[in-house]
PDB file of N, CA and C in Angstrom:
ATOM      1  N   UNK A   1      78.645 211.060  96.799  1.00  0.00           N
ATOM      2  CA  UNK A   1      78.663 212.407  97.347  1.00  0.00           C
ATOM      3  C   UNK A   1      77.222 212.870  97.559  1.00  0.00           C
ATOM      4  N   UNK A   2      76.963 213.342  98.730  1.00  0.00           N
ATOM      5  CA  UNK A   2      75.643 213.836  99.078  1.00  0.00           C
ATOM      6  C   UNK A   2      75.717 215.356  99.174  1.00  0.00           C
ATOM      7  N   UNK A   3      75.046 216.069  98.255  1.00  0.00           N
ATOM      8  CA  UNK A   3      75.136 217.527  98.272  1.00  0.00           C
ATOM      9  C   UNK A   3      74.656 218.149  99.586  1.00  0.00           C
ATOM     10  N   UNK A   4      73.687 217.517 100.226  1.00  0.00           N
ATOM     11  CA  UNK A   4      73.180 218.056 101.494  1.00  0.00           C
ATOM     12  C   UNK A   4      74.278 218.042 102.554  1.00  0.00           C
ATOM     13  N   UNK A   5      75.053 216.967 102.565  1.00  0.00           N
ATOM     14  CA  UNK A   5      76.114 216.842 103.567  1.00  0.00           C
ATOM     15  C   UNK A   5      77.315 217.731 103.254  1.00  0.00           C
ATOM     16  N   UNK A   6      77.519 218.055 101.973  1.00  0.00           N
ATOM     17  CA  UNK A   6      78.676 218.868 101.616  1.00  0.00           C
ATOM     18  C   UNK A   6      78.362 220.359 101.563  1.00  0.00           C
ATOM     19  N   UNK A   7      77.102 220.736 101.735  1.00  0.00           N
ATOM     20  CA  UNK A   7      76.726 222.156 101.715  1.00  0.00           C
ATOM     21  C   UNK A   7      77.281 222.852 102.957  1.00  0.00           C
ATOM     22  N   UNK A   8      77.708 224.078 102.771  1.00  0.00           N
ATOM     23  CA  UNK A   8      78.213 224.855 103.912  1.00  0.00           C
ATOM     24  C   UNK A   8      77.129 225.087 104.946  1.00  0.00           C
ATOM     25  N   UNK A   9      75.915 225.349 104.477  1.00  0.00           N
ATOM     26  CA  UNK A   9      74.788 225.621 105.369  1.00  0.00           C
ATOM     27  C   UNK A   9      73.661 224.668 104.989  1.00  0.00           C
ATOM     28  N   UNK A  10      73.479 223.596 105.749  1.00  0.00           N
ATOM     29  CA  UNK A  10      72.482 222.589 105.392  1.00  0.00           C
ATOM     30  C   UNK A  10      71.062 223.152 105.416  1.00  0.00           C
ATOM     31  N   UNK A  11      70.796 224.084 106.292  1.00  0.00           N
ATOM     32  CA  UNK A  11      69.471 224.705 106.348  1.00  0.00           C
ATOM     33  C   UNK A  11      69.179 225.486 105.079  1.00  0.00           C
ATOM     34  N   UNK A  12      70.169 226.222 104.601  1.00  0.00           N
ATOM     35  CA  UNK A  12      70.012 226.975 103.354  1.00  0.00           C
ATOM     36  C   UNK A  12      69.816 226.013 102.185  1.00  0.00           C
ATOM     37  N   UNK A  13      70.548 224.918 102.191  1.00  0.00           N
ATOM     38  CA  UNK A  13      70.401 223.914 101.132  1.00  0.00           C
ATOM     39  C   UNK A  13      68.969 223.376 101.104  1.00  0.00           C
ATOM     40  N   UNK A  14      68.455 223.017 102.264  1.00  0.00           N
ATOM     41  CA  UNK A  14      67.096 222.481 102.340  1.00  0.00           C
ATOM     42  C   UNK A  14      66.072 223.499 101.883  1.00  0.00           C
ATOM     43  N   UNK A  15      66.246 224.744 102.296  1.00  0.00           N
ATOM     44  CA  UNK A  15      65.317 225.797 101.901  1.00  0.00           C
ATOM     45  C   UNK A  15      65.315 225.958 100.382  1.00  0.00           C
ATOM     46  N   UNK A  16      66.477 225.997  99.786  1.00  0.00           N
ATOM     47  CA  UNK A  16      66.561 226.141  98.328  1.00  0.00           C
ATOM     48  C   UNK A  16      65.972 224.919  97.623  1.00  0.00           C
ATOM     49  N   UNK A  17      66.211 223.745  98.155  1.00  0.00           N
ATOM     50  CA  UNK A  17      65.662 222.528  97.551  1.00  0.00           C
ATOM     51  C   UNK A  17      64.135 222.553  97.582  1.00  0.00           C
ATOM     52  N   UNK A  18      63.562 222.958  98.692  1.00  0.00           N
ATOM     53  CA  UNK A  18      62.103 223.016  98.799  1.00  0.00           C
ATOM     54  C   UNK A  18      61.528 224.090  97.881  1.00  0.00           C
ATOM     55  N   UNK A  19      62.231 225.211  97.745  1.00  0.00           N
ATOM     56  CA  UNK A  19      61.777 226.249  96.809  1.00  0.00           C
ATOM     57  C   UNK A  19      61.792 225.729  95.382  1.00  0.00           C
ATOM     58  N   UNK A  20      62.831 224.968  95.030  1.00  0.00           N
ATOM     59  CA  UNK A  20      62.933 224.392  93.698  1.00  0.00           C
ATOM     60  C   UNK A  20      61.770 223.434  93.440  1.00  0.00           C
ATOM     61  N   UNK A  21      61.427 222.631  94.424  1.00  0.00           N
ATOM     62  CA  UNK A  21      60.293 221.719  94.292  1.00  0.00           C
ATOM     63  C   UNK A  21      59.007 222.512  94.076  1.00  0.00           C
ATOM     64  N   UNK A  22      58.829 223.583  94.837  1.00  0.00           N
ATOM     65  CA  UNK A  22      57.623 224.410  94.701  1.00  0.00           C
ATOM     66  C   UNK A  22      57.554 225.054  93.316  1.00  0.00           C
ATOM     67  N   UNK A  23      58.679 225.552  92.817  1.00  0.00           N
ATOM     68  CA  UNK A  23      58.701 226.166  91.492  1.00  0.00           C
ATOM     69  C   UNK A  23      58.401 225.132  90.413  1.00  0.00           C
ATOM     70  N   UNK A  24      58.987 223.942  90.546  1.00  0.00           N
ATOM     71  CA  UNK A  24      58.723 222.893  89.567  1.00  0.00           C
ATOM     72  C   UNK A  24      57.244 222.523  89.572  1.00  0.00           C
ATOM     73  N   UNK A  25      56.672 222.377  90.757  1.00  0.00           N
ATOM     74  CA  UNK A  25      55.262 222.015  90.871  1.00  0.00           C
ATOM     75  C   UNK A  25      54.381 223.062  90.216  1.00  0.00           C
ATOM     76  N   UNK A  26      54.688 224.329  90.454  1.00  0.00           N
ATOM     77  CA  UNK A  26      53.925 225.429  89.861  1.00  0.00           C
ATOM     78  C   UNK A  26      54.018 225.381  88.336  1.00  0.00           C
ATOM     79  N   UNK A  27      55.230 225.176  87.808  1.00  0.00           N
ATOM     80  CA  UNK A  27      55.409 225.096  86.359  1.00  0.00           C
ATOM     81  C   UNK A  27      54.714 223.874  85.783  1.00  0.00           C
ATOM     82  N   UNK A  28      54.756 222.765  86.514  1.00  0.00           N
ATOM     83  CA  UNK A  28      54.079 221.562  86.045  1.00  0.00           C
ATOM     84  C   UNK A  28      52.585 221.825  85.903  1.00  0.00           C
ATOM     85  N   UNK A  29      52.001 222.500  86.879  1.00  0.00           N
ATOM     86  CA  UNK A  29      50.571 222.814  86.812  1.00  0.00           C
ATOM     87  C   UNK A  29      50.283 223.730  85.622  1.00  0.00           C
ATOM     88  N   UNK A  30      51.195 224.643  85.349  1.00  0.00           N
ATOM     89  CA  UNK A  30      51.004 225.617  84.270  1.00  0.00           C
ATOM     90  C   UNK A  30      51.162 224.977  82.890  1.00  0.00           C
ATOM     91  N   UNK A  31      52.188 224.130  82.734  1.00  0.00           N
ATOM     92  CA  UNK A  31      52.516 223.587  81.421  1.00  0.00           C
ATOM     93  C   UNK A  31      52.235 222.089  81.278  1.00  0.00           C
ATOM     94  N   UNK A  32      51.694 221.481  82.289  1.00  0.00           N
ATOM     95  CA  UNK A  32      51.470 220.035  82.272  1.00  0.00           C
ATOM     96  C   UNK A  32      50.620 219.553  81.114  1.00  0.00           C
ATOM     97  N   UNK A  33      49.655 220.351  80.693  1.00  0.00           N
ATOM     98  CA  UNK A  33      48.775 219.927  79.604  1.00  0.00           C
ATOM     99  C   UNK A  33      49.509 219.820  78.274  1.00  0.00           C
ATOM    100  N   UNK A  34      50.695 220.407  78.177  1.00  0.00           N
ATOM    101  CA  UNK A  34      51.480 220.326  76.948  1.00  0.00           C
ATOM    102  C   UNK A  34      52.270 219.019  76.849  1.00  0.00           C
ATOM    103  N   UNK A  35      52.350 218.277  77.958  1.00  0.00           N
ATOM    104  CA  UNK A  35      53.095 217.013  77.990  1.00  0.00           C
ATOM    105  C   UNK A  35      52.237 215.876  77.443  1.00  0.00           C
ATOM    106  N   UNK A  36      52.899 214.849  76.907  1.00  0.00           N
ATOM    107  CA  UNK A  36      52.145 213.638  76.546  1.00  0.00           C
ATOM    108  C   UNK A  36      51.462 213.065  77.793  1.00  0.00           C
ATOM    109  N   UNK A  37      50.329 212.423  77.603  1.00  0.00           N
ATOM    110  CA  UNK A  37      49.533 211.900  78.713  1.00  0.00           C
ATOM    111  C   UNK A  37      50.331 210.979  79.631  1.00  0.00           C
ATOM    112  N   UNK A  38      51.133 210.069  79.075  1.00  0.00           N
ATOM    113  CA  UNK A  38      51.903 209.143  79.909  1.00  0.00           C
ATOM    114  C   UNK A  38      52.869 209.899  80.822  1.00  0.00           C
ATOM    115  N   UNK A  39      53.517 210.912  80.286  1.00  0.00           N
ATOM    116  CA  UNK A  39      54.463 211.691  81.084  1.00  0.00           C
ATOM    117  C   UNK A  39      53.727 212.483  82.157  1.00  0.00           C
ATOM    118  N   UNK A  40      52.574 213.025  81.800  1.00  0.00           N
ATOM    119  CA  UNK A  40      51.788 213.802  82.762  1.00  0.00           C
ATOM    120  C   UNK A  40      51.355 212.918  83.931  1.00  0.00           C
ATOM    121  N   UNK A  41      50.927 211.689  83.641  1.00  0.00           N
ATOM    122  CA  UNK A  41      50.520 210.769  84.704  1.00  0.00           C
ATOM    123  C   UNK A  41      51.706 210.419  85.607  1.00  0.00           C
ATOM    124  N   UNK A  42      52.849 210.149  84.987  1.00  0.00           N
ATOM    125  CA  UNK A  42      54.039 209.808  85.755  1.00  0.00           C
ATOM    126  C   UNK A  42      54.436 210.964  86.674  1.00  0.00           C
ATOM    127  N   UNK A  43      54.455 212.183  86.143  1.00  0.00           N
ATOM    128  CA  UNK A  43      54.851 213.340  86.947  1.00  0.00           C
ATOM    129  C   UNK A  43      53.843 213.603  88.065  1.00  0.00           C
ATOM    130  N   UNK A  44      52.573 213.390  87.788  1.00  0.00           N
ATOM    131  CA  UNK A  44      51.561 213.572  88.833  1.00  0.00           C
ATOM    132  C   UNK A  44      51.782 212.601  89.980  1.00  0.00           C
ATOM    133  N   UNK A  45      52.159 211.363  89.656  1.00  0.00           N
ATOM    134  CA  UNK A  45      52.433 210.369  90.697  1.00  0.00           C
ATOM    135  C   UNK A  45      53.654 210.765  91.516  1.00  0.00           C
ATOM    136  N   UNK A  46      54.692 211.234  90.841  1.00  0.00           N
ATOM    137  CA  UNK A  46      55.908 211.649  91.548  1.00  0.00           C
ATOM    138  C   UNK A  46      55.616 212.830  92.458  1.00  0.00           C
ATOM    139  N   UNK A  47      54.901 213.820  91.941  1.00  0.00           N
ATOM    140  CA  UNK A  47      54.605 215.001  92.754  1.00  0.00           C
ATOM    141  C   UNK A  47      53.694 214.668  93.922  1.00  0.00           C
ATOM    142  N   UNK A  48      52.803 213.697  93.759  1.00  0.00           N
ATOM    143  CA  UNK A  48      51.906 213.337  94.861  1.00  0.00           C
ATOM    144  C   UNK A  48      52.647 212.598  95.970  1.00  0.00           C
ATOM    145  N   UNK A  49      53.830 212.055  95.679  1.00  0.00           N
ATOM    146  CA  UNK A  49      54.616 211.405  96.726  1.00  0.00           C
ATOM    147  C   UNK A  49      54.961 212.385  97.839  1.00  0.00           C
ATOM    148  N   UNK A  50      55.176 213.631  97.471  1.00  0.00           N
ATOM    149  CA  UNK A  50      55.519 214.646  98.456  1.00  0.00           C
ATOM    150  C   UNK A  50      54.457 214.839  99.512  1.00  0.00           C
ATOM    151  N   UNK A  51      53.226 214.504  99.168  1.00  0.00           N
ATOM    152  CA  UNK A  51      52.133 214.651 100.121  1.00  0.00           C
ATOM    153  C   UNK A  51      52.127 213.528 101.154  1.00  0.00           C
ATOM    154  N   UNK A  52      52.726 212.388 100.816  1.00  0.00           N
ATOM    155  CA  UNK A  52      52.684 211.246 101.725  1.00  0.00           C
ATOM    156  C   UNK A  52      54.012 210.977 102.422  1.00  0.00           C
ATOM    157  N   UNK A  53      55.070 211.632 102.000  1.00  0.00           N
ATOM    158  CA  UNK A  53      56.384 211.384 102.589  1.00  0.00           C
ATOM    159  C   UNK A  53      56.510 212.029 103.955  1.00  0.00           C
ATOM    160  N   UNK A  54      57.242 211.376 104.791  1.00  0.00           N
ATOM    161  CA  UNK A  54      57.571 211.923 106.097  1.00  0.00           C
ATOM    162  C   UNK A  54      58.923 212.621 105.948  1.00  0.00           C
ATOM    163  N   UNK A  55      58.892 213.892 105.623  1.00  0.00           N
ATOM    164  CA  UNK A  55      60.117 214.632 105.317  1.00  0.00           C
ATOM    165  C   UNK A  55      61.099 214.628 106.475  1.00  0.00           C
ATOM    166  N   UNK A  56      60.627 214.754 107.694  1.00  0.00           N
ATOM    167  CA  UNK A  56      61.532 214.794 108.844  1.00  0.00           C
ATOM    168  C   UNK A  56      62.260 213.470 109.025  1.00  0.00           C
ATOM    169  N   UNK A  57      61.598 212.364 108.699  1.00  0.00           N
ATOM    170  CA  UNK A  57      62.263 211.060 108.796  1.00  0.00           C
ATOM    171  C   UNK A  57      63.401 210.947 107.801  1.00  0.00           C
ATOM    172  N   UNK A  58      63.311 211.706 106.707  1.00  0.00           N
ATOM    173  CA  UNK A  58      64.358 211.685 105.697  1.00  0.00           C
ATOM    174  C   UNK A  58      65.431 212.734 105.987  1.00  0.00           C
ATOM    175  N   UNK A  59      65.292 213.444 107.104  1.00  0.00           N
ATOM    176  CA  UNK A  59      66.282 214.451 107.463  1.00  0.00           C
ATOM    177  C   UNK A  59      66.036 215.786 106.808  1.00  0.00           C
ATOM    178  N   UNK A  60      64.819 216.008 106.291  1.00  0.00           N
ATOM    179  CA  UNK A  60      64.511 217.266 105.624  1.00  0.00           C
ATOM    180  C   UNK A  60      63.528 218.040 106.494  1.00  0.00           C
ATOM    181  N   UNK A  61      63.881 219.261 106.795  1.00  0.00           N
ATOM    182  CA  UNK A  61      62.975 220.109 107.560  1.00  0.00           C
ATOM    183  C   UNK A  61      62.883 221.465 106.872  1.00  0.00           C
ATOM    184  N   UNK A  62      61.819 222.156 107.168  1.00  0.00           N
ATOM    185  CA  UNK A  62      61.615 223.480 106.562  1.00  0.00           C
ATOM    186  C   UNK A  62      61.634 224.518 107.659  1.00  0.00           C
TER     187      UNK A  62
END
């Protein structure tokens, strides 16, 4: 089951998903120093993927 495909309004789903990513990123920056170093490095790598991904190729638009 793909939540994006089952959402009543796919545009609203995408908007909320991107807002959630932005909120998580903001919280990570705020509280990241409280995480163990290994976890902080892993999360930094995951968050940096967003900078290199071609969102439109994945069907995500803002």
